[in-house]
Amino acid sequence: MNRRERLELEVSNIQEKIDKASKDVPSHILNSWKKDLVSLEFELNNLVDGEEDNNY
């Protein structure tokens, strides 16, 4: 699995966690997940072709 695929999977997992979060989840936890999502999306959007082939 290359870096792009890993990031796409992580983005998908966090988005699903946010979407399915119960109303009992504290707002600071939900905000932390959202920040993580933004960071991962930023990293994914800024990958260059050479980085996609690297196995981290």
PDB file of N, CA and C in Angstrom:
ATOM      1  N   MET A   1       0.857  -1.167   0.000  1.00  0.00           N
ATOM      2  CA  MET A   1       0.000   0.000   0.000  1.00  0.00           C
ATOM      3  C   MET A   1       0.907   1.235   0.000  1.00  0.00           C
ATOM      4  N   ASN A   2       0.691   2.107  -0.971  1.00  0.00           N
ATOM      5  CA  ASN A   2       1.535   3.299  -1.042  1.00  0.00           C
ATOM      6  C   ASN A   2       1.010   4.401  -0.114  1.00  0.00           C
ATOM      7  N   ARG A   3       1.739   5.465  -0.043  1.00  0.00           N
ATOM      8  CA  ARG A   3       1.414   6.561   0.876  1.00  0.00           C
ATOM      9  C   ARG A   3       0.038   7.156   0.581  1.00  0.00           C
ATOM     10  N   ARG A   4      -0.279   7.365  -0.689  1.00  0.00           N
ATOM     11  CA  ARG A   4      -1.584   7.932  -1.059  1.00  0.00           C
ATOM     12  C   ARG A   4      -2.719   7.034  -0.572  1.00  0.00           C
ATOM     13  N   GLU A   5      -2.592   5.745  -0.806  1.00  0.00           N
ATOM     14  CA  GLU A   5      -3.637   4.811  -0.379  1.00  0.00           C
ATOM     15  C   GLU A   5      -3.805   4.809   1.133  1.00  0.00           C
ATOM     16  N   ARG A   6      -2.675   4.878   1.856  1.00  0.00           N
ATOM     17  CA  ARG A   6      -2.740   4.924   3.321  1.00  0.00           C
ATOM     18  C   ARG A   6      -3.446   6.176   3.812  1.00  0.00           C
ATOM     19  N   LEU A   7      -3.093   7.307   3.208  1.00  0.00           N
ATOM     20  CA  LEU A   7      -3.731   8.566   3.608  1.00  0.00           C
ATOM     21  C   LEU A   7      -5.221   8.548   3.281  1.00  0.00           C
ATOM     22  N   GLU A   8      -5.574   8.029   2.115  1.00  0.00           N
ATOM     23  CA  GLU A   8      -6.989   7.939   1.742  1.00  0.00           C
ATOM     24  C   GLU A   8      -7.755   7.064   2.727  1.00  0.00           C
ATOM     25  N   LEU A   9      -7.148   5.977   3.158  1.00  0.00           N
ATOM     26  CA  LEU A   9      -7.779   5.092   4.133  1.00  0.00           C
ATOM     27  C   LEU A   9      -7.940   5.799   5.480  1.00  0.00           C
ATOM     28  N   GLU A  10      -6.901   6.490   5.927  1.00  0.00           N
ATOM     29  CA  GLU A  10      -6.984   7.214   7.192  1.00  0.00           C
ATOM     30  C   GLU A  10      -8.052   8.303   7.143  1.00  0.00           C
ATOM     31  N   VAL A  11      -8.113   9.039   6.032  1.00  0.00           N
ATOM     32  CA  VAL A  11      -9.133  10.077   5.862  1.00  0.00           C
ATOM     33  C   VAL A  11     -10.518   9.444   5.939  1.00  0.00           C
ATOM     34  N   SER A  12     -10.691   8.351   5.247  1.00  0.00           N
ATOM     35  CA  SER A  12     -11.982   7.665   5.238  1.00  0.00           C
ATOM     36  C   SER A  12     -12.367   7.193   6.638  1.00  0.00           C
ATOM     37  N   ASN A  13     -11.415   6.628   7.363  1.00  0.00           N
ATOM     38  CA  ASN A  13     -11.685   6.125   8.709  1.00  0.00           C
ATOM     39  C   ASN A  13     -12.061   7.242   9.674  1.00  0.00           C
ATOM     40  N   ILE A  14     -11.340   8.333   9.633  1.00  0.00           N
ATOM     41  CA  ILE A  14     -11.643   9.445  10.527  1.00  0.00           C
ATOM     42  C   ILE A  14     -12.972  10.091  10.151  1.00  0.00           C
ATOM     43  N   GLN A  15     -13.234  10.229   8.857  1.00  0.00           N
ATOM     44  CA  GLN A  15     -14.513  10.811   8.429  1.00  0.00           C
ATOM     45  C   GLN A  15     -15.675   9.954   8.912  1.00  0.00           C
ATOM     46  N   GLU A  16     -15.507   8.648   8.815  1.00  0.00           N
ATOM     47  CA  GLU A  16     -16.555   7.737   9.282  1.00  0.00           C
ATOM     48  C   GLU A  16     -16.737   7.860  10.797  1.00  0.00           C
ATOM     49  N   LYS A  17     -15.630   7.964  11.524  1.00  0.00           N
ATOM     50  CA  LYS A  17     -15.695   8.120  12.975  1.00  0.00           C
ATOM     51  C   LYS A  17     -16.448   9.398  13.348  1.00  0.00           C
ATOM     52  N   ILE A  18     -16.169  10.482  12.627  1.00  0.00           N
ATOM     53  CA  ILE A  18     -16.846  11.759  12.882  1.00  0.00           C
ATOM     54  C   ILE A  18     -18.331  11.641  12.550  1.00  0.00           C
ATOM     55  N   ASP A  19     -18.632  11.041  11.399  1.00  0.00           N
ATOM     56  CA  ASP A  19     -20.022  10.912  10.955  1.00  0.00           C
ATOM     57  C   ASP A  19     -20.858  10.052  11.894  1.00  0.00           C
ATOM     58  N   LYS A  20     -20.236   9.031  12.474  1.00  0.00           N
ATOM     59  CA  LYS A  20     -20.964   8.091  13.324  1.00  0.00           C
ATOM     60  C   LYS A  20     -20.838   8.396  14.817  1.00  0.00           C
ATOM     61  N   ALA A  21     -20.193   9.498  15.145  1.00  0.00           N
ATOM     62  CA  ALA A  21     -19.987   9.839  16.555  1.00  0.00           C
ATOM     63  C   ALA A  21     -21.329  10.079  17.241  1.00  0.00           C
ATOM     64  N   SER A  22     -21.451   9.535  18.421  1.00  0.00           N
ATOM     65  CA  SER A  22     -22.684   9.747  19.183  1.00  0.00           C
ATOM     66  C   SER A  22     -22.679  11.160  19.759  1.00  0.00           C
ATOM     67  N   LYS A  23     -23.821  11.579  20.189  1.00  0.00           N
ATOM     68  CA  LYS A  23     -23.942  12.921  20.766  1.00  0.00           C
ATOM     69  C   LYS A  23     -23.245  13.020  22.108  1.00  0.00           C
ATOM     70  N   ASP A  24     -22.842  11.875  22.661  1.00  0.00           N
ATOM     71  CA  ASP A  24     -22.148  11.845  23.949  1.00  0.00           C
ATOM     72  C   ASP A  24     -20.663  12.172  23.835  1.00  0.00           C
ATOM     73  N   VAL A  25     -20.140  12.179  22.609  1.00  0.00           N
ATOM     74  CA  VAL A  25     -18.713  12.452  22.420  1.00  0.00           C
ATOM     75  C   VAL A  25     -18.451  13.913  22.787  1.00  0.00           C
ATOM     76  N   PRO A  26     -17.502  14.138  23.699  1.00  0.00           N
ATOM     77  CA  PRO A  26     -17.197  15.520  24.092  1.00  0.00           C
ATOM     78  C   PRO A  26     -16.736  16.351  22.890  1.00  0.00           C
ATOM     79  N   SER A  27     -17.088  17.614  22.910  1.00  0.00           N
ATOM     80  CA  SER A  27     -16.778  18.487  21.779  1.00  0.00           C
ATOM     81  C   SER A  27     -15.277  18.604  21.534  1.00  0.00           C
ATOM     82  N   HIS A  28     -14.458  18.569  22.590  1.00  0.00           N
ATOM     83  CA  HIS A  28     -13.013  18.681  22.378  1.00  0.00           C
ATOM     84  C   HIS A  28     -12.452  17.456  21.657  1.00  0.00           C
ATOM     85  N   ILE A  29     -13.060  16.301  21.868  1.00  0.00           N
ATOM     86  CA  ILE A  29     -12.635  15.092  21.148  1.00  0.00           C
ATOM     87  C   ILE A  29     -13.041  15.195  19.684  1.00  0.00           C
ATOM     88  N   LEU A  30     -14.266  15.605  19.446  1.00  0.00           N
ATOM     89  CA  LEU A  30     -14.748  15.768  18.080  1.00  0.00           C
ATOM     90  C   LEU A  30     -13.915  16.806  17.326  1.00  0.00           C
ATOM     91  N   ASN A  31     -13.585  17.892  17.987  1.00  0.00           N
ATOM     92  CA  ASN A  31     -12.738  18.923  17.369  1.00  0.00           C
ATOM     93  C   ASN A  31     -11.354  18.379  17.053  1.00  0.00           C
ATOM     94  N   SER A  32     -10.825  17.543  17.923  1.00  0.00           N
ATOM     95  CA  SER A  32      -9.517  16.934  17.682  1.00  0.00           C
ATOM     96  C   SER A  32      -9.566  16.031  16.447  1.00  0.00           C
ATOM     97  N   TRP A  33     -10.629  15.255  16.319  1.00  0.00           N
ATOM     98  CA  TRP A  33     -10.778  14.394  15.142  1.00  0.00           C
ATOM     99  C   TRP A  33     -10.869  15.232  13.882  1.00  0.00           C
ATOM    100  N   LYS A  34     -11.604  16.325  13.950  1.00  0.00           N
ATOM    101  CA  LYS A  34     -11.748  17.200  12.781  1.00  0.00           C
ATOM    102  C   LYS A  34     -10.413  17.820  12.389  1.00  0.00           C
ATOM    103  N   LYS A  35      -9.608  18.195  13.369  1.00  0.00           N
ATOM    104  CA  LYS A  35      -8.275  18.746  13.082  1.00  0.00           C
ATOM    105  C   LYS A  35      -7.393  17.683  12.431  1.00  0.00           C
ATOM    106  N   ASP A  36      -7.484  16.461  12.939  1.00  0.00           N
ATOM    107  CA  ASP A  36      -6.728  15.361  12.341  1.00  0.00           C
ATOM    108  C   ASP A  36      -7.148  15.147  10.887  1.00  0.00           C
ATOM    109  N   LEU A  37      -8.443  15.213  10.650  1.00  0.00           N
ATOM    110  CA  LEU A  37      -8.963  15.048   9.294  1.00  0.00           C
ATOM    111  C   LEU A  37      -8.419  16.127   8.363  1.00  0.00           C
ATOM    112  N   VAL A  38      -8.439  17.364   8.810  1.00  0.00           N
ATOM    113  CA  VAL A  38      -7.929  18.472   7.997  1.00  0.00           C
ATOM    114  C   VAL A  38      -6.439  18.265   7.704  1.00  0.00           C
ATOM    115  N   SER A  39      -5.689  17.857   8.699  1.00  0.00           N
ATOM    116  CA  SER A  39      -4.247  17.629   8.506  1.00  0.00           C
ATOM    117  C   SER A  39      -3.987  16.523   7.488  1.00  0.00           C
ATOM    118  N   LEU A  40      -4.727  15.440   7.606  1.00  0.00           N
ATOM    119  CA  LEU A  40      -4.545  14.335   6.664  1.00  0.00           C
ATOM    120  C   LEU A  40      -4.966  14.723   5.253  1.00  0.00           C
ATOM    121  N   GLU A  41      -6.064  15.450   5.136  1.00  0.00           N
ATOM    122  CA  GLU A  41      -6.502  15.896   3.812  1.00  0.00           C
ATOM    123  C   GLU A  41      -5.484  16.845   3.196  1.00  0.00           C
ATOM    124  N   PHE A  42      -4.913  17.710   4.015  1.00  0.00           N
ATOM    125  CA  PHE A  42      -3.886  18.629   3.527  1.00  0.00           C
ATOM    126  C   PHE A  42      -2.681  17.852   3.015  1.00  0.00           C
ATOM    127  N   GLU A  43      -2.235  16.878   3.803  1.00  0.00           N
ATOM    128  CA  GLU A  43      -1.086  16.065   3.399  1.00  0.00           C
ATOM    129  C   GLU A  43      -1.393  15.297   2.116  1.00  0.00           C
ATOM    130  N   LEU A  44      -2.583  14.733   2.026  1.00  0.00           N
ATOM    131  CA  LEU A  44      -2.980  13.987   0.844  1.00  0.00           C
ATOM    132  C   LEU A  44      -3.014  14.884  -0.390  1.00  0.00           C
ATOM    133  N   ASN A  45      -3.566  16.057  -0.247  1.00  0.00           N
ATOM    134  CA  ASN A  45      -3.680  16.981  -1.384  1.00  0.00           C
ATOM    135  C   ASN A  45      -2.335  17.537  -1.829  1.00  0.00           C
ATOM    136  N   ASN A  46      -1.339  17.481  -0.960  1.00  0.00           N
ATOM    137  CA  ASN A  46      -0.037  18.041  -1.296  1.00  0.00           C
ATOM    138  C   ASN A  46       1.013  16.990  -1.645  1.00  0.00           C
ATOM    139  N   LEU A  47       0.588  15.749  -1.798  1.00  0.00           N
ATOM    140  CA  LEU A  47       1.526  14.718  -2.229  1.00  0.00           C
ATOM    141  C   LEU A  47       1.974  15.003  -3.654  1.00  0.00           C
ATOM    142  N   VAL A  48       3.243  14.773  -3.905  1.00  0.00           N
ATOM    143  CA  VAL A  48       3.741  14.845  -5.273  1.00  0.00           C
ATOM    144  C   VAL A  48       3.976  13.416  -5.748  1.00  0.00           C
ATOM    145  N   ASP A  49       4.050  13.237  -7.050  1.00  0.00           N
ATOM    146  CA  ASP A  49       4.126  11.898  -7.613  1.00  0.00           C
ATOM    147  C   ASP A  49       5.222  11.037  -6.994  1.00  0.00           C
ATOM    148  N   GLY A  50       6.389  11.587  -6.756  1.00  0.00           N
ATOM    149  CA  GLY A  50       7.492  10.819  -6.192  1.00  0.00           C
ATOM    150  C   GLY A  50       7.212  10.317  -4.799  1.00  0.00           C
ATOM    151  N   GLU A  51       6.463  11.072  -4.021  1.00  0.00           N
ATOM    152  CA  GLU A  51       6.152  10.665  -2.652  1.00  0.00           C
ATOM    153  C   GLU A  51       5.128   9.539  -2.607  1.00  0.00           C
ATOM    154  N   GLU A  52       4.298   9.447  -3.619  1.00  0.00           N
ATOM    155  CA  GLU A  52       3.253   8.424  -3.617  1.00  0.00           C
ATOM    156  C   GLU A  52       3.840   7.024  -3.670  1.00  0.00           C
ATOM    157  N   ASP A  53       4.991   6.868  -4.295  1.00  0.00           N
ATOM    158  CA  ASP A  53       5.576   5.547  -4.460  1.00  0.00           C
ATOM    159  C   ASP A  53       6.404   5.104  -3.264  1.00  0.00           C
ATOM    160  N   ASN A  54       6.724   6.027  -2.372  1.00  0.00           N
ATOM    161  CA  ASN A  54       7.505   5.681  -1.193  1.00  0.00           C
ATOM    162  C   ASN A  54       6.648   4.913  -0.206  1.00  0.00           C
ATOM    163  N   ASN A  55       7.191   3.873   0.329  1.00  0.00           N
ATOM    164  CA  ASN A  55       6.486   3.113   1.363  1.00  0.00           C
ATOM    165  C   ASN A  55       6.980   3.584   2.716  1.00  0.00           C
ATOM    166  N   TYR A  56       6.148   4.288   3.422  1.00  0.00           N
ATOM    167  CA  TYR A  56       6.520   4.808   4.744  1.00  0.00           C
ATOM    168  C   TYR A  56       6.200   3.800   5.800  1.00  0.00           C
TER     169      TYR A  56
END
